[in-house]
Amino acid sequence: MASYDSDPFYLSTGHSGKHGHEFLEFEYSHGRLRYANNSNYRNDSLIRKEMWVGPLVVKELKRIVESSEITKEDDTNWPKKNIVGKQELEIRIGNDHIAFEVFSQSARLQRSGSLVEIQDSEDPEGLRVFYYLVQDLRCFIFSLISLHFKIKPI
């Protein structure tokens, strides 16, 4: 794992609901990918998974992030977090380090799939980049979890 020690690449994304105890998180750092889900849906318990990933997986994570061009975005005009919930994204890649925290309006889109609220925002293009990046990361990581643990992540 020594080759990961010199790589500053870090990725974390998560959603927390209005009750605070409902959340979905992914975190990658130094070759380790972590997943946590606490939905309390039908009295589900907390699910935590952790796995080590190889250089090809890391390369694909970086490709997804870089091709989105999220590091060029500015969240000044994005809806801020509130008591309803939030969607977070933190990335450190190369010399760039970004952290976004968006009001649940956009997090709600993760469930509904509607882009109407994004189109009506002050920065629809920036939020669209954020939304699609989070979706791409979730799909990729859920696929890894399904393959590695042979479970359904949600």
N, C-alpha and C. Protein backbone atom coordinates (compact mmCIF):
# COMPACT_ATOMS: atom_id res chain seq x y z
N MET A 1 0.81 -1.20 0.00
CA MET A 1 0.00 0.00 0.00
C MET A 1 0.85 1.27 0.00
N ALA A 2 2.13 1.15 -0.04
CA ALA A 2 3.03 2.29 0.06
C ALA A 2 2.82 3.29 -1.07
N SER A 3 2.45 2.84 -2.28
CA SER A 3 2.26 3.77 -3.39
C SER A 3 1.12 4.74 -3.13
N TYR A 4 0.16 4.36 -2.29
CA TYR A 4 -0.96 5.23 -1.97
C TYR A 4 -0.56 6.34 -1.00
N ASP A 5 0.49 6.10 -0.21
CA ASP A 5 0.89 7.07 0.81
C ASP A 5 1.27 8.42 0.23
N SER A 6 1.88 8.43 -0.95
CA SER A 6 2.33 9.68 -1.54
C SER A 6 1.24 10.36 -2.37
N ASP A 7 0.12 9.68 -2.60
CA ASP A 7 -0.96 10.23 -3.41
C ASP A 7 -1.95 10.98 -2.51
N PRO A 8 -2.10 12.29 -2.74
CA PRO A 8 -2.99 13.07 -1.88
C PRO A 8 -4.47 12.94 -2.25
N PHE A 9 -4.81 12.09 -3.23
CA PHE A 9 -6.20 11.99 -3.68
C PHE A 9 -7.11 11.56 -2.53
N TYR A 10 -8.18 12.32 -2.34
CA TYR A 10 -9.16 12.05 -1.28
C TYR A 10 -10.53 12.38 -1.84
N LEU A 11 -11.53 11.56 -1.49
CA LEU A 11 -12.88 11.77 -1.96
C LEU A 11 -13.85 11.39 -0.86
N SER A 12 -14.80 12.25 -0.60
CA SER A 12 -15.83 11.96 0.39
C SER A 12 -17.13 12.58 -0.08
N THR A 13 -18.19 11.81 -0.05
CA THR A 13 -19.50 12.34 -0.39
C THR A 13 -20.52 11.70 0.52
N GLY A 14 -21.54 12.46 0.85
CA GLY A 14 -22.56 11.92 1.74
C GLY A 14 -23.80 12.77 1.76
N HIS A 15 -24.87 12.14 2.15
CA HIS A 15 -26.16 12.81 2.30
C HIS A 15 -26.67 12.51 3.69
N SER A 16 -27.17 13.53 4.37
CA SER A 16 -27.84 13.30 5.65
C SER A 16 -29.22 13.92 5.58
N GLY A 17 -30.18 13.22 6.15
CA GLY A 17 -31.57 13.65 6.11
C GLY A 17 -31.90 14.63 7.21
N LYS A 18 -33.16 15.04 7.22
CA LYS A 18 -33.58 16.07 8.16
C LYS A 18 -33.55 15.62 9.62
N HIS A 19 -33.56 14.32 9.84
CA HIS A 19 -33.54 13.83 11.22
C HIS A 19 -32.13 13.64 11.75
N GLY A 20 -31.13 13.78 10.88
CA GLY A 20 -29.75 13.70 11.32
C GLY A 20 -29.21 12.29 11.45
N HIS A 21 -30.07 11.35 11.79
CA HIS A 21 -29.61 9.98 11.98
C HIS A 21 -29.72 9.16 10.69
N GLU A 22 -30.26 9.75 9.63
CA GLU A 22 -30.33 9.08 8.34
C GLU A 22 -29.22 9.62 7.46
N PHE A 23 -28.35 8.75 6.98
CA PHE A 23 -27.25 9.22 6.15
C PHE A 23 -26.74 8.12 5.24
N LEU A 24 -26.03 8.55 4.20
CA LEU A 24 -25.37 7.68 3.25
C LEU A 24 -24.04 8.33 2.94
N GLU A 25 -22.93 7.61 3.17
CA GLU A 25 -21.60 8.20 3.01
C GLU A 25 -20.65 7.26 2.26
N PHE A 26 -19.75 7.87 1.49
CA PHE A 26 -18.65 7.16 0.86
C PHE A 26 -17.39 7.96 1.16
N GLU A 27 -16.28 7.26 1.36
CA GLU A 27 -15.02 7.95 1.58
C GLU A 27 -13.89 7.11 1.00
N TYR A 28 -13.02 7.75 0.20
CA TYR A 28 -11.84 7.09 -0.33
C TYR A 28 -10.60 7.86 0.14
N SER A 29 -9.60 7.13 0.63
CA SER A 29 -8.33 7.73 1.02
C SER A 29 -7.27 6.64 1.09
N HIS A 30 -6.13 6.88 0.44
CA HIS A 30 -4.97 6.00 0.52
C HIS A 30 -5.29 4.52 0.27
N GLY A 31 -6.11 4.26 -0.77
CA GLY A 31 -6.40 2.88 -1.15
C GLY A 31 -7.58 2.25 -0.44
N ARG A 32 -8.14 2.92 0.54
CA ARG A 32 -9.25 2.35 1.30
C ARG A 32 -10.56 3.07 0.95
N LEU A 33 -11.58 2.28 0.65
CA LEU A 33 -12.90 2.81 0.33
C LEU A 33 -13.86 2.39 1.43
N ARG A 34 -14.54 3.36 2.00
CA ARG A 34 -15.49 3.09 3.08
C ARG A 34 -16.90 3.49 2.65
N TYR A 35 -17.87 2.74 3.14
CA TYR A 35 -19.27 2.98 2.84
C TYR A 35 -20.06 2.86 4.13
N ALA A 36 -20.99 3.78 4.35
CA ALA A 36 -21.88 3.69 5.51
C ALA A 36 -23.27 4.13 5.10
N ASN A 37 -24.28 3.41 5.58
CA ASN A 37 -25.66 3.73 5.26
C ASN A 37 -26.51 3.48 6.50
N ASN A 38 -27.23 4.49 6.91
CA ASN A 38 -28.16 4.37 8.03
C ASN A 38 -29.46 5.01 7.61
N SER A 39 -30.42 4.20 7.20
CA SER A 39 -31.66 4.76 6.67
C SER A 39 -32.81 4.72 7.66
N ASN A 40 -32.75 3.83 8.60
CA ASN A 40 -33.85 3.60 9.55
C ASN A 40 -35.15 3.25 8.84
N TYR A 41 -35.07 2.88 7.56
CA TYR A 41 -36.24 2.44 6.82
C TYR A 41 -36.61 1.05 7.31
N ARG A 42 -37.82 0.89 7.78
CA ARG A 42 -38.29 -0.39 8.32
C ARG A 42 -37.34 -0.94 9.38
N ASN A 43 -36.86 -0.03 10.21
CA ASN A 43 -35.98 -0.38 11.33
C ASN A 43 -34.66 -1.04 10.89
N ASP A 44 -34.18 -0.65 9.71
CA ASP A 44 -32.88 -1.15 9.26
C ASP A 44 -31.79 -0.68 10.21
N SER A 45 -30.75 -1.46 10.31
CA SER A 45 -29.63 -1.07 11.15
C SER A 45 -28.54 -0.42 10.30
N LEU A 46 -27.56 0.12 10.96
CA LEU A 46 -26.44 0.77 10.29
C LEU A 46 -25.63 -0.26 9.51
N ILE A 47 -25.33 0.07 8.26
CA ILE A 47 -24.50 -0.79 7.42
C ILE A 47 -23.18 -0.07 7.20
N ARG A 48 -22.08 -0.74 7.53
CA ARG A 48 -20.74 -0.20 7.28
C ARG A 48 -19.93 -1.25 6.54
N LYS A 49 -19.28 -0.81 5.48
CA LYS A 49 -18.42 -1.69 4.72
C LYS A 49 -17.11 -0.96 4.43
N GLU A 50 -16.05 -1.71 4.35
CA GLU A 50 -14.73 -1.15 4.06
C GLU A 50 -13.98 -2.13 3.19
N MET A 51 -13.27 -1.61 2.18
CA MET A 51 -12.48 -2.48 1.32
C MET A 51 -11.29 -1.73 0.78
N TRP A 52 -10.27 -2.48 0.40
CA TRP A 52 -9.09 -1.91 -0.23
C TRP A 52 -9.29 -2.03 -1.73
N VAL A 53 -8.95 -0.97 -2.46
CA VAL A 53 -9.12 -0.98 -3.91
C VAL A 53 -7.77 -0.80 -4.59
N GLY A 54 -7.66 -1.32 -5.79
CA GLY A 54 -6.42 -1.27 -6.53
C GLY A 54 -6.25 0.01 -7.34
N PRO A 55 -5.09 0.15 -7.97
CA PRO A 55 -4.77 1.36 -8.73
C PRO A 55 -5.73 1.65 -9.88
N LEU A 56 -6.29 0.62 -10.52
CA LEU A 56 -7.23 0.86 -11.62
C LEU A 56 -8.52 1.50 -11.13
N VAL A 57 -8.98 1.09 -9.96
CA VAL A 57 -10.19 1.69 -9.37
C VAL A 57 -9.92 3.15 -9.02
N VAL A 58 -8.76 3.41 -8.43
CA VAL A 58 -8.38 4.79 -8.08
C VAL A 58 -8.28 5.64 -9.34
N LYS A 59 -7.69 5.09 -10.39
CA LYS A 59 -7.57 5.80 -11.66
C LYS A 59 -8.96 6.16 -12.21
N GLU A 60 -9.91 5.24 -12.10
CA GLU A 60 -11.27 5.50 -12.59
C GLU A 60 -11.97 6.55 -11.72
N LEU A 61 -11.80 6.50 -10.42
CA LEU A 61 -12.37 7.53 -9.54
C LEU A 61 -11.83 8.91 -9.94
N LYS A 62 -10.53 8.99 -10.15
CA LYS A 62 -9.92 10.26 -10.55
C LYS A 62 -10.44 10.71 -11.91
N ARG A 63 -10.59 9.77 -12.84
CA ARG A 63 -11.09 10.12 -14.16
C ARG A 63 -12.51 10.69 -14.08
N ILE A 64 -13.36 10.08 -13.27
CA ILE A 64 -14.73 10.56 -13.09
C ILE A 64 -14.72 11.99 -12.55
N VAL A 65 -13.89 12.22 -11.53
CA VAL A 65 -13.82 13.55 -10.91
C VAL A 65 -13.26 14.58 -11.90
N GLU A 66 -12.15 14.25 -12.54
CA GLU A 66 -11.51 15.20 -13.46
C GLU A 66 -12.38 15.51 -14.67
N SER A 67 -13.05 14.51 -15.22
CA SER A 67 -13.88 14.75 -16.41
C SER A 67 -15.11 15.59 -16.09
N SER A 68 -15.54 15.59 -14.83
CA SER A 68 -16.69 16.42 -14.44
C SER A 68 -16.33 17.90 -14.38
N GLU A 69 -15.05 18.20 -14.18
CA GLU A 69 -14.55 19.57 -14.01
C GLU A 69 -15.18 20.27 -12.81
N ILE A 70 -15.50 19.51 -11.77
CA ILE A 70 -16.11 20.07 -10.56
C ILE A 70 -15.19 21.07 -9.87
N THR A 71 -13.88 20.92 -10.03
CA THR A 71 -12.96 21.84 -9.36
C THR A 71 -13.02 23.25 -9.93
N LYS A 72 -13.68 23.42 -11.07
CA LYS A 72 -13.86 24.75 -11.67
C LYS A 72 -15.13 25.44 -11.18
N GLU A 73 -15.95 24.72 -10.42
CA GLU A 73 -17.24 25.26 -9.98
C GLU A 73 -17.10 26.08 -8.70
N ASP A 74 -18.04 26.99 -8.53
CA ASP A 74 -18.10 27.86 -7.35
C ASP A 74 -19.50 27.72 -6.76
N ASP A 75 -19.58 27.38 -5.50
CA ASP A 75 -20.88 27.13 -4.87
C ASP A 75 -21.51 28.36 -4.22
N THR A 76 -21.02 29.53 -4.54
CA THR A 76 -21.52 30.77 -3.94
C THR A 76 -23.04 30.91 -4.11
N ASN A 77 -23.56 30.57 -5.28
CA ASN A 77 -24.99 30.74 -5.56
C ASN A 77 -25.78 29.44 -5.44
N TRP A 78 -25.20 28.44 -4.82
CA TRP A 78 -25.92 27.18 -4.63
C TRP A 78 -26.73 27.27 -3.34
N PRO A 79 -27.83 26.54 -3.25
CA PRO A 79 -28.63 26.54 -2.02
C PRO A 79 -27.80 26.03 -0.84
N LYS A 80 -27.82 26.74 0.27
CA LYS A 80 -27.04 26.34 1.45
C LYS A 80 -27.79 25.30 2.26
N LYS A 81 -27.02 24.57 3.08
CA LYS A 81 -27.64 23.54 3.92
C LYS A 81 -28.65 24.17 4.87
N ASN A 82 -29.60 23.37 5.31
CA ASN A 82 -30.59 23.82 6.29
C ASN A 82 -31.01 22.62 7.12
N ILE A 83 -32.07 22.77 7.88
CA ILE A 83 -32.48 21.70 8.79
C ILE A 83 -33.09 20.51 8.06
N VAL A 84 -33.47 20.68 6.79
CA VAL A 84 -34.08 19.59 6.04
C VAL A 84 -33.05 18.50 5.70
N GLY A 85 -31.82 18.90 5.48
CA GLY A 85 -30.78 17.94 5.16
C GLY A 85 -29.73 18.56 4.27
N LYS A 86 -28.72 17.77 3.92
CA LYS A 86 -27.64 18.31 3.10
C LYS A 86 -26.96 17.20 2.30
N GLN A 87 -26.34 17.60 1.21
CA GLN A 87 -25.49 16.73 0.40
C GLN A 87 -24.10 17.33 0.45
N GLU A 88 -23.10 16.52 0.80
CA GLU A 88 -21.73 17.01 0.91
C GLU A 88 -20.83 16.33 -0.11
N LEU A 89 -19.82 17.06 -0.54
CA LEU A 89 -18.81 16.51 -1.44
C LEU A 89 -17.49 17.18 -1.11
N GLU A 90 -16.47 16.38 -0.83
CA GLU A 90 -15.13 16.91 -0.59
C GLU A 90 -14.16 16.12 -1.45
N ILE A 91 -13.30 16.86 -2.17
CA ILE A 91 -12.33 16.22 -3.06
C ILE A 91 -10.99 16.93 -2.93
N ARG A 92 -9.94 16.11 -2.84
CA ARG A 92 -8.58 16.63 -2.93
C ARG A 92 -7.91 15.86 -4.06
N ILE A 93 -7.58 16.58 -5.12
CA ILE A 93 -6.97 15.94 -6.29
C ILE A 93 -5.92 16.88 -6.85
N GLY A 94 -4.70 16.40 -6.98
CA GLY A 94 -3.61 17.27 -7.42
C GLY A 94 -3.43 18.41 -6.43
N ASN A 95 -3.41 19.64 -6.93
CA ASN A 95 -3.27 20.82 -6.08
C ASN A 95 -4.62 21.41 -5.67
N ASP A 96 -5.71 20.80 -6.10
CA ASP A 96 -7.05 21.31 -5.81
C ASP A 96 -7.65 20.61 -4.59
N HIS A 97 -8.33 21.40 -3.77
CA HIS A 97 -9.07 20.87 -2.63
C HIS A 97 -10.38 21.63 -2.58
N ILE A 98 -11.49 20.93 -2.77
CA ILE A 98 -12.81 21.56 -2.76
C ILE A 98 -13.70 20.87 -1.75
N ALA A 99 -14.65 21.62 -1.22
CA ALA A 99 -15.65 21.06 -0.31
C ALA A 99 -16.95 21.81 -0.54
N PHE A 100 -18.00 21.08 -0.87
CA PHE A 100 -19.31 21.67 -1.11
C PHE A 100 -20.31 21.08 -0.12
N GLU A 101 -21.23 21.91 0.32
CA GLU A 101 -22.31 21.48 1.20
C GLU A 101 -23.58 22.12 0.66
N VAL A 102 -24.48 21.30 0.13
CA VAL A 102 -25.65 21.81 -0.57
C VAL A 102 -26.91 21.43 0.19
N PHE A 103 -27.84 22.37 0.25
CA PHE A 103 -29.15 22.21 0.88
C PHE A 103 -29.86 20.98 0.31
N SER A 104 -30.67 20.38 1.10
CA SER A 104 -31.36 19.14 0.75
C SER A 104 -32.22 19.24 -0.50
N GLN A 105 -32.52 20.44 -0.95
CA GLN A 105 -33.26 20.59 -2.20
C GLN A 105 -32.58 19.75 -3.26
N SER A 106 -31.26 19.86 -3.35
CA SER A 106 -30.52 19.07 -4.33
C SER A 106 -30.36 17.64 -3.87
N ALA A 107 -30.26 17.42 -2.57
CA ALA A 107 -30.15 16.06 -2.06
C ALA A 107 -31.44 15.30 -2.34
N ARG A 108 -32.57 16.00 -2.28
CA ARG A 108 -33.85 15.39 -2.57
C ARG A 108 -33.88 14.89 -4.02
N LEU A 109 -33.15 15.56 -4.89
CA LEU A 109 -33.06 15.14 -6.27
C LEU A 109 -32.43 13.76 -6.39
N GLN A 110 -31.58 13.41 -5.45
CA GLN A 110 -30.94 12.11 -5.48
C GLN A 110 -32.01 11.01 -5.45
N ARG A 111 -33.11 11.29 -4.78
CA ARG A 111 -34.18 10.30 -4.68
C ARG A 111 -35.21 10.47 -5.77
N SER A 112 -35.59 11.70 -6.09
CA SER A 112 -36.68 11.92 -7.03
C SER A 112 -36.24 11.83 -8.48
N GLY A 113 -34.98 12.19 -8.77
CA GLY A 113 -34.49 12.14 -10.13
C GLY A 113 -34.90 13.32 -10.99
N SER A 114 -35.58 14.30 -10.43
CA SER A 114 -36.04 15.45 -11.18
C SER A 114 -34.97 16.55 -11.18
N LEU A 115 -34.77 17.17 -12.34
CA LEU A 115 -33.80 18.25 -12.44
C LEU A 115 -34.46 19.62 -12.44
N VAL A 116 -35.78 19.66 -12.20
CA VAL A 116 -36.52 20.93 -12.23
C VAL A 116 -35.97 21.91 -11.21
N GLU A 117 -35.70 21.44 -10.00
CA GLU A 117 -35.20 22.34 -8.96
C GLU A 117 -33.82 22.89 -9.30
N ILE A 118 -33.01 22.10 -9.98
CA ILE A 118 -31.70 22.58 -10.40
C ILE A 118 -31.85 23.66 -11.46
N GLN A 119 -32.73 23.44 -12.42
CA GLN A 119 -32.94 24.41 -13.49
C GLN A 119 -33.45 25.74 -12.96
N ASP A 120 -34.17 25.72 -11.85
CA ASP A 120 -34.72 26.94 -11.27
C ASP A 120 -33.76 27.64 -10.31
N SER A 121 -32.58 27.07 -10.10
CA SER A 121 -31.63 27.66 -9.15
C SER A 121 -30.86 28.82 -9.80
N GLU A 122 -30.10 29.54 -8.98
CA GLU A 122 -29.30 30.67 -9.48
C GLU A 122 -28.11 30.22 -10.32
N ASP A 123 -27.64 28.99 -10.12
CA ASP A 123 -26.49 28.46 -10.88
C ASP A 123 -26.82 27.06 -11.37
N PRO A 124 -27.72 26.95 -12.36
CA PRO A 124 -28.14 25.62 -12.80
C PRO A 124 -27.00 24.78 -13.40
N GLU A 125 -26.07 25.40 -14.11
CA GLU A 125 -24.99 24.63 -14.72
C GLU A 125 -24.06 24.05 -13.65
N GLY A 126 -23.69 24.85 -12.67
CA GLY A 126 -22.82 24.36 -11.60
C GLY A 126 -23.47 23.26 -10.78
N LEU A 127 -24.75 23.44 -10.44
CA LEU A 127 -25.46 22.41 -9.68
C LEU A 127 -25.63 21.14 -10.50
N ARG A 128 -25.82 21.28 -11.79
CA ARG A 128 -25.94 20.12 -12.67
C ARG A 128 -24.63 19.31 -12.66
N VAL A 129 -23.51 20.00 -12.71
CA VAL A 129 -22.20 19.32 -12.64
C VAL A 129 -22.09 18.56 -11.32
N PHE A 130 -22.44 19.23 -10.22
CA PHE A 130 -22.41 18.62 -8.89
C PHE A 130 -23.32 17.38 -8.85
N TYR A 131 -24.55 17.55 -9.31
CA TYR A 131 -25.55 16.48 -9.27
C TYR A 131 -25.07 15.25 -10.05
N TYR A 132 -24.62 15.46 -11.29
CA TYR A 132 -24.20 14.32 -12.11
C TYR A 132 -22.92 13.67 -11.57
N LEU A 133 -22.02 14.45 -11.02
CA LEU A 133 -20.82 13.86 -10.43
C LEU A 133 -21.18 12.97 -9.26
N VAL A 134 -22.02 13.45 -8.37
CA VAL A 134 -22.43 12.64 -7.22
C VAL A 134 -23.13 11.37 -7.70
N GLN A 135 -23.99 11.49 -8.71
CA GLN A 135 -24.67 10.30 -9.26
C GLN A 135 -23.67 9.30 -9.83
N ASP A 136 -22.70 9.80 -10.61
CA ASP A 136 -21.69 8.91 -11.21
C ASP A 136 -20.87 8.21 -10.13
N LEU A 137 -20.46 8.96 -9.11
CA LEU A 137 -19.69 8.36 -8.02
C LEU A 137 -20.50 7.30 -7.28
N ARG A 138 -21.76 7.62 -7.00
CA ARG A 138 -22.61 6.66 -6.30
C ARG A 138 -22.78 5.37 -7.10
N CYS A 139 -23.05 5.50 -8.40
CA CYS A 139 -23.22 4.31 -9.24
C CYS A 139 -21.95 3.46 -9.26
N PHE A 140 -20.81 4.11 -9.44
CA PHE A 140 -19.55 3.38 -9.48
C PHE A 140 -19.27 2.68 -8.15
N ILE A 141 -19.43 3.39 -7.06
CA ILE A 141 -19.13 2.82 -5.75
C ILE A 141 -20.14 1.73 -5.37
N PHE A 142 -21.41 1.93 -5.69
CA PHE A 142 -22.40 0.87 -5.43
C PHE A 142 -22.07 -0.39 -6.23
N SER A 143 -21.58 -0.21 -7.44
CA SER A 143 -21.17 -1.38 -8.25
C SER A 143 -20.01 -2.11 -7.59
N LEU A 144 -19.04 -1.35 -7.10
CA LEU A 144 -17.90 -1.98 -6.40
C LEU A 144 -18.37 -2.74 -5.16
N ILE A 145 -19.26 -2.13 -4.41
CA ILE A 145 -19.77 -2.78 -3.19
C ILE A 145 -20.52 -4.05 -3.54
N SER A 146 -21.36 -3.98 -4.56
CA SER A 146 -22.12 -5.16 -4.98
C SER A 146 -21.20 -6.29 -5.42
N LEU A 147 -20.17 -5.95 -6.17
CA LEU A 147 -19.22 -6.96 -6.63
C LEU A 147 -18.40 -7.54 -5.49
N HIS A 148 -17.93 -6.67 -4.62
CA HIS A 148 -17.03 -7.10 -3.55
C HIS A 148 -17.74 -7.89 -2.46
N PHE A 149 -18.91 -7.40 -2.04
CA PHE A 149 -19.60 -8.02 -0.92
C PHE A 149 -20.79 -8.88 -1.33
N LYS A 150 -21.14 -8.85 -2.62
CA LYS A 150 -22.30 -9.59 -3.12
C LYS A 150 -23.56 -9.25 -2.32
N ILE A 151 -23.75 -7.93 -2.11
CA ILE A 151 -24.94 -7.45 -1.41
C ILE A 151 -25.56 -6.33 -2.21
N LYS A 152 -26.79 -6.00 -1.88
CA LYS A 152 -27.42 -4.82 -2.46
C LYS A 152 -27.16 -3.67 -1.48
N PRO A 153 -26.48 -2.58 -1.92
CA PRO A 153 -26.06 -1.53 -0.99
C PRO A 153 -27.21 -0.72 -0.41
N ILE A 154 -28.35 -0.67 -1.08
CA ILE A 154 -29.46 0.12 -0.53
C ILE A 154 -30.61 -0.80 -0.23
